[in-house]
Amino acid sequence: MKIMKVSDTAGHLEIVQGDITKQQVDAIVNAANKSLLGGGGVDGAIHRAAGPELLEECRKIGGCETGQVKITKGYNLPAENVIHTVGPVYGQENGREEKLLVSCYHNSLKLVEQQGLNSVAFPAISTGVYGYPKEKAARIAICAVKEVFKQTDWGIAVVFVLFDEENASIYRRLLESLE
């Protein structure tokens, strides 16, 4: 497993191939569906690892709109918090897919700052069943985080946790080319 790290005064960006449910960070981001009641992929894995209390809390807070965020406890996860964000379904958002995907990252990071957290792990949002092309989604993700780094000096640690080598390679290559 290759880990890539980049740091500056605004933050620390790391790319890891692995399981987001095992990350020792203040919050992990869940690529959720609008109901927040679990599903497949990352969403299902997070719900399984966190335990039934996560589903219970999600039922109480209601759903979430595309590009928006909600926060819950992490329960049985190493991360104390789960930030749920709903990515866009590629080709079904009337040309607003990129704007909505950027909102997922910006709103998640805004919530991290509001909650006084210092570290967050992101999956590849919308690239599974939502069909966002992996390369485009990775470029949007990295650029959105770097944009937040330019606007603040709060020194957050951001980890992109990619489940497979294909996605991890895409993120590493793009990060190198954007440096």
C-alpha atoms as a PDB file:
ATOM      1  CA  MET A   1       0.000   0.000   0.000  1.00  0.00           C
ATOM      2  CA  LYS A   2       1.440   3.328  -1.091  1.00  0.00           C
ATOM      3  CA  ILE A   3       0.623   6.445   0.917  1.00  0.00           C
ATOM      4  CA  MET A   4       1.073   9.890  -0.555  1.00  0.00           C
ATOM      5  CA  LYS A   5       1.261  12.981   1.667  1.00  0.00           C
ATOM      6  CA  VAL A   6       1.327  16.683   0.839  1.00  0.00           C
ATOM      7  CA  SER A   7       1.414  19.434   3.471  1.00  0.00           C
ATOM      8  CA  ASP A   8       1.344  23.202   3.568  1.00  0.00           C
ATOM      9  CA  THR A   9       0.358  25.798   6.161  1.00  0.00           C
ATOM     10  CA  ALA A  10      -3.368  25.426   5.434  1.00  0.00           C
ATOM     11  CA  GLY A  11      -3.563  21.682   5.735  1.00  0.00           C
ATOM     12  CA  HIS A  12      -2.278  18.221   5.196  1.00  0.00           C
ATOM     13  CA  LEU A  13      -3.560  16.042   2.361  1.00  0.00           C
ATOM     14  CA  GLU A  14      -2.983  12.305   2.297  1.00  0.00           C
ATOM     15  CA  ILE A  15      -4.033   9.557  -0.108  1.00  0.00           C
ATOM     16  CA  VAL A  16      -4.379   6.036   1.250  1.00  0.00           C
ATOM     17  CA  GLN A  17      -5.654   2.803  -0.207  1.00  0.00           C
ATOM     18  CA  GLY A  18      -7.690   1.112   2.495  1.00  0.00           C
ATOM     19  CA  ASP A  19     -10.902   0.840   4.460  1.00  0.00           C
ATOM     20  CA  ILE A  20     -12.450   4.146   5.529  1.00  0.00           C
ATOM     21  CA  THR A  21     -14.171   2.457   8.488  1.00  0.00           C
ATOM     22  CA  LYS A  22     -10.747   1.779  10.054  1.00  0.00           C
ATOM     23  CA  GLN A  23      -9.432   5.353   9.904  1.00  0.00           C
ATOM     24  CA  GLN A  24      -8.266   7.054  13.106  1.00  0.00           C
ATOM     25  CA  VAL A  25      -9.621  10.529  12.305  1.00  0.00           C
ATOM     26  CA  ASP A  26     -12.098  12.891  13.964  1.00  0.00           C
ATOM     27  CA  ALA A  27     -14.693  12.260  11.235  1.00  0.00           C
ATOM     28  CA  ILE A  28     -15.219  10.066   8.222  1.00  0.00           C
ATOM     29  CA  VAL A  29     -17.415  11.131   5.338  1.00  0.00           C
ATOM     30  CA  ASN A  30     -20.153   8.796   4.216  1.00  0.00           C
ATOM     31  CA  ALA A  31     -21.113   8.848   0.543  1.00  0.00           C
ATOM     32  CA  ALA A  32     -24.763   8.426   1.495  1.00  0.00           C
ATOM     33  CA  ASN A  33     -28.064   8.236  -0.306  1.00  0.00           C
ATOM     34  CA  LYS A  34     -30.782  10.830   0.363  1.00  0.00           C
ATOM     35  CA  SER A  35     -32.537   8.690   2.977  1.00  0.00           C
ATOM     36  CA  LEU A  36     -29.339   8.287   5.087  1.00  0.00           C
ATOM     37  CA  LEU A  37     -30.636   4.825   5.989  1.00  0.00           C
ATOM     38  CA  GLY A  38     -27.746   2.811   4.575  1.00  0.00           C
ATOM     39  CA  GLY A  39     -27.161   1.224   1.217  1.00  0.00           C
ATOM     40  CA  GLY A  40     -24.354  -0.411  -0.680  1.00  0.00           C
ATOM     41  CA  GLY A  41     -20.680   0.417  -1.105  1.00  0.00           C
ATOM     42  CA  VAL A  42     -19.129   2.854   1.365  1.00  0.00           C
ATOM     43  CA  ASP A  43     -22.539   3.690   2.853  1.00  0.00           C
ATOM     44  CA  GLY A  44     -23.302   0.067   3.699  1.00  0.00           C
ATOM     45  CA  ALA A  45     -19.800  -0.545   5.045  1.00  0.00           C
ATOM     46  CA  ILE A  46     -20.021   2.467   7.357  1.00  0.00           C
ATOM     47  CA  HIS A  47     -23.447   1.467   8.657  1.00  0.00           C
ATOM     48  CA  ARG A  48     -22.295  -2.121   9.285  1.00  0.00           C
ATOM     49  CA  ALA A  49     -19.126  -1.033  11.087  1.00  0.00           C
ATOM     50  CA  ALA A  50     -20.832   1.681  13.165  1.00  0.00           C
ATOM     51  CA  GLY A  51     -23.613  -0.610  14.357  1.00  0.00           C
ATOM     52  CA  PRO A  52     -27.397  -0.232  14.618  1.00  0.00           C
ATOM     53  CA  GLU A  53     -27.210   3.001  16.633  1.00  0.00           C
ATOM     54  CA  LEU A  54     -26.089   4.858  13.499  1.00  0.00           C
ATOM     55  CA  LEU A  55     -29.226   3.816  11.630  1.00  0.00           C
ATOM     56  CA  GLU A  56     -31.317   4.835  14.635  1.00  0.00           C
ATOM     57  CA  GLU A  57     -29.772   8.314  14.727  1.00  0.00           C
ATOM     58  CA  CYS A  58     -30.103   8.704  10.939  1.00  0.00           C
ATOM     59  CA  ARG A  59     -33.812   7.931  11.187  1.00  0.00           C
ATOM     60  CA  LYS A  60     -34.186  10.769  13.712  1.00  0.00           C
ATOM     61  CA  ILE A  61     -32.340  13.423  11.683  1.00  0.00           C
ATOM     62  CA  GLY A  62     -34.193  12.721   8.456  1.00  0.00           C
ATOM     63  CA  GLY A  63     -32.774  12.683   4.967  1.00  0.00           C
ATOM     64  CA  CYS A  64     -30.250  14.891   3.228  1.00  0.00           C
ATOM     65  CA  GLU A  65     -30.314  16.665  -0.126  1.00  0.00           C
ATOM     66  CA  THR A  66     -27.673  16.274  -2.822  1.00  0.00           C
ATOM     67  CA  GLY A  67     -24.565  18.332  -2.051  1.00  0.00           C
ATOM     68  CA  GLN A  68     -25.597  18.889   1.567  1.00  0.00           C
ATOM     69  CA  VAL A  69     -24.293  17.328   4.814  1.00  0.00           C
ATOM     70  CA  LYS A  70     -25.519  15.971   8.145  1.00  0.00           C
ATOM     71  CA  ILE A  71     -23.417  14.772  11.077  1.00  0.00           C
ATOM     72  CA  THR A  72     -23.898  11.858  13.455  1.00  0.00           C
ATOM     73  CA  LYS A  73     -21.841  10.048  16.047  1.00  0.00           C
ATOM     74  CA  GLY A  74     -19.477   7.315  14.881  1.00  0.00           C
ATOM     75  CA  TYR A  75     -20.626   4.719  17.428  1.00  0.00           C
ATOM     76  CA  ASN A  76     -18.472   1.584  16.903  1.00  0.00           C
ATOM     77  CA  LEU A  77     -16.138   3.295  14.403  1.00  0.00           C
ATOM     78  CA  PRO A  78     -12.679   4.595  15.397  1.00  0.00           C
ATOM     79  CA  ALA A  79     -13.872   8.012  14.141  1.00  0.00           C
ATOM     80  CA  GLU A  80     -16.053   9.863  16.637  1.00  0.00           C
ATOM     81  CA  ASN A  81     -18.208  11.390  13.888  1.00  0.00           C
ATOM     82  CA  VAL A  82     -19.722  10.511  10.536  1.00  0.00           C
ATOM     83  CA  ILE A  83     -20.457  13.300   8.083  1.00  0.00           C
ATOM     84  CA  HIS A  84     -23.096  12.128   5.639  1.00  0.00           C
ATOM     85  CA  THR A  85     -23.139  13.766   2.217  1.00  0.00           C
ATOM     86  CA  VAL A  86     -25.184  12.906  -0.839  1.00  0.00           C
ATOM     87  CA  GLY A  87     -23.256  13.043  -4.081  1.00  0.00           C
ATOM     88  CA  PRO A  88     -24.854  13.647  -7.454  1.00  0.00           C
ATOM     89  CA  VAL A  89     -25.978  10.849  -9.744  1.00  0.00           C
ATOM     90  CA  TYR A  90     -23.920  11.417 -12.891  1.00  0.00           C
ATOM     91  CA  GLY A  91     -26.017  12.546 -15.852  1.00  0.00           C
ATOM     92  CA  GLN A  92     -29.157  13.110 -13.787  1.00  0.00           C
ATOM     93  CA  GLU A  93     -28.627  16.562 -12.280  1.00  0.00           C
ATOM     94  CA  ASN A  94     -29.313  18.800 -15.306  1.00  0.00           C
ATOM     95  CA  GLY A  95     -25.647  19.696 -15.772  1.00  0.00           C
ATOM     96  CA  ARG A  96     -25.160  20.603 -12.097  1.00  0.00           C
ATOM     97  CA  GLU A  97     -23.170  17.455 -11.238  1.00  0.00           C
ATOM     98  CA  GLU A  98     -19.810  19.184 -10.806  1.00  0.00           C
ATOM     99  CA  LYS A  99     -21.230  22.009  -8.695  1.00  0.00           C
ATOM    100  CA  LEU A 100     -23.054  19.508  -6.468  1.00  0.00           C
ATOM    101  CA  LEU A 101     -19.968  17.315  -6.060  1.00  0.00           C
ATOM    102  CA  VAL A 102     -17.858  20.344  -5.099  1.00  0.00           C
ATOM    103  CA  SER A 103     -20.570  21.203  -2.548  1.00  0.00           C
ATOM    104  CA  CYS A 104     -20.193  17.770  -0.958  1.00  0.00           C
ATOM    105  CA  TYR A 105     -16.526  18.495  -0.213  1.00  0.00           C
ATOM    106  CA  HIS A 106     -16.908  22.175   0.686  1.00  0.00           C
ATOM    107  CA  ASN A 107     -19.904  21.579   2.976  1.00  0.00           C
ATOM    108  CA  SER A 108     -18.183  18.633   4.657  1.00  0.00           C
ATOM    109  CA  LEU A 109     -15.074  20.697   5.360  1.00  0.00           C
ATOM    110  CA  LYS A 110     -17.163  23.641   6.553  1.00  0.00           C
ATOM    111  CA  LEU A 111     -18.879  21.302   9.028  1.00  0.00           C
ATOM    112  CA  VAL A 112     -15.504  19.899  10.142  1.00  0.00           C
ATOM    113  CA  GLU A 113     -14.371  23.447  10.907  1.00  0.00           C
ATOM    114  CA  GLN A 114     -17.637  24.391  12.661  1.00  0.00           C
ATOM    115  CA  GLN A 115     -17.367  21.307  14.872  1.00  0.00           C
ATOM    116  CA  GLY A 116     -13.756  22.125  15.787  1.00  0.00           C
ATOM    117  CA  LEU A 117     -12.425  18.886  14.289  1.00  0.00           C
ATOM    118  CA  ASN A 118      -8.854  18.491  13.041  1.00  0.00           C
ATOM    119  CA  SER A 119      -8.977  15.503  10.698  1.00  0.00           C
ATOM    120  CA  VAL A 120     -11.385  13.993   8.190  1.00  0.00           C
ATOM    121  CA  ALA A 121     -11.346  11.048   5.773  1.00  0.00           C
ATOM    122  CA  PHE A 122     -13.189  11.141   2.454  1.00  0.00           C
ATOM    123  CA  PRO A 123     -14.111   8.284   0.119  1.00  0.00           C
ATOM    124  CA  ALA A 124     -14.468   8.748  -3.647  1.00  0.00           C
ATOM    125  CA  ILE A 125     -17.939  10.328  -3.578  1.00  0.00           C
ATOM    126  CA  SER A 126     -20.380   9.422  -6.385  1.00  0.00           C
ATOM    127  CA  THR A 127     -18.013   7.090  -8.271  1.00  0.00           C
ATOM    128  CA  GLY A 128     -19.795   3.826  -7.415  1.00  0.00           C
ATOM    129  CA  VAL A 129     -23.414   3.207  -8.348  1.00  0.00           C
ATOM    130  CA  TYR A 130     -23.905   6.965  -8.905  1.00  0.00           C
ATOM    131  CA  GLY A 131     -21.658   6.606 -11.980  1.00  0.00           C
ATOM    132  CA  TYR A 132     -19.450   9.682 -11.758  1.00  0.00           C
ATOM    133  CA  PRO A 133     -16.344   9.107 -13.914  1.00  0.00           C
ATOM    134  CA  LYS A 134     -13.514   8.333 -11.511  1.00  0.00           C
ATOM    135  CA  GLU A 135     -10.944  10.664 -13.046  1.00  0.00           C
ATOM    136  CA  LYS A 136     -13.340  13.643 -13.118  1.00  0.00           C
ATOM    137  CA  ALA A 137     -14.526  12.983  -9.568  1.00  0.00           C
ATOM    138  CA  ALA A 138     -10.952  12.718  -8.273  1.00  0.00           C
ATOM    139  CA  ARG A 139      -9.932  16.016  -9.902  1.00  0.00           C
ATOM    140  CA  ILE A 140     -12.995  17.743  -8.424  1.00  0.00           C
ATOM    141  CA  ALA A 141     -12.304  16.272  -4.965  1.00  0.00           C
ATOM    142  CA  ILE A 142      -8.636  17.276  -4.857  1.00  0.00           C
ATOM    143  CA  CYS A 143      -9.278  20.750  -6.278  1.00  0.00           C
ATOM    144  CA  ALA A 144     -12.172  21.354  -3.842  1.00  0.00           C
ATOM    145  CA  VAL A 145      -9.987  20.476  -0.846  1.00  0.00           C
ATOM    146  CA  LYS A 146      -7.055  22.549  -2.117  1.00  0.00           C
ATOM    147  CA  GLU A 147      -9.444  25.481  -2.652  1.00  0.00           C
ATOM    148  CA  VAL A 148     -10.501  25.289   1.008  1.00  0.00           C
ATOM    149  CA  PHE A 149      -6.818  25.097   2.018  1.00  0.00           C
ATOM    150  CA  LYS A 150      -6.197  28.374   0.128  1.00  0.00           C
ATOM    151  CA  GLN A 151      -9.057  30.100   1.970  1.00  0.00           C
ATOM    152  CA  THR A 152      -8.028  29.118   5.487  1.00  0.00           C
ATOM    153  CA  ASP A 153      -5.003  28.513   7.659  1.00  0.00           C
ATOM    154  CA  TRP A 154      -6.637  26.143  10.109  1.00  0.00           C
ATOM    155  CA  GLY A 155      -4.260  23.220   9.410  1.00  0.00           C
ATOM    156  CA  ILE A 156      -6.722  20.380   8.915  1.00  0.00           C
ATOM    157  CA  ALA A 157      -5.630  16.859   7.977  1.00  0.00           C
ATOM    158  CA  VAL A 158      -7.604  15.484   5.022  1.00  0.00           C
ATOM    159  CA  VAL A 159      -7.244  11.857   4.006  1.00  0.00           C
ATOM    160  CA  PHE A 160      -8.687  10.444   0.803  1.00  0.00           C
ATOM    161  CA  VAL A 161      -9.260   6.776   1.570  1.00  0.00           C
ATOM    162  CA  LEU A 162      -9.728   4.780  -1.601  1.00  0.00           C
ATOM    163  CA  PHE A 163     -10.846   1.194  -1.373  1.00  0.00           C
ATOM    164  CA  ASP A 164      -9.108  -0.095  -4.509  1.00  0.00           C
ATOM    165  CA  GLU A 165      -5.769   0.454  -6.220  1.00  0.00           C
ATOM    166  CA  GLU A 166      -7.401   1.875  -9.373  1.00  0.00           C
ATOM    167  CA  ASN A 167      -8.912   4.836  -7.496  1.00  0.00           C
ATOM    168  CA  ALA A 168      -5.846   5.295  -5.285  1.00  0.00           C
ATOM    169  CA  SER A 169      -3.632   5.470  -8.404  1.00  0.00           C
ATOM    170  CA  ILE A 170      -5.903   8.044 -10.022  1.00  0.00           C
ATOM    171  CA  TYR A 171      -5.821  10.246  -6.917  1.00  0.00           C
ATOM    172  CA  ARG A 172      -2.031   9.943  -6.514  1.00  0.00           C
ATOM    173  CA  ARG A 173      -1.398  10.770 -10.171  1.00  0.00           C
ATOM    174  CA  LEU A 174      -3.733  13.773 -10.106  1.00  0.00           C
ATOM    175  CA  LEU A 175      -2.325  15.101  -6.848  1.00  0.00           C
ATOM    176  CA  GLU A 176       1.212  14.911  -8.263  1.00  0.00           C
ATOM    177  CA  SER A 177       0.138  16.725 -11.452  1.00  0.00           C
ATOM    178  CA  LEU A 178      -1.665  19.459  -9.477  1.00  0.00           C
ATOM    179  CA  GLU A 179       1.303  20.213  -7.194  1.00  0.00           C
END
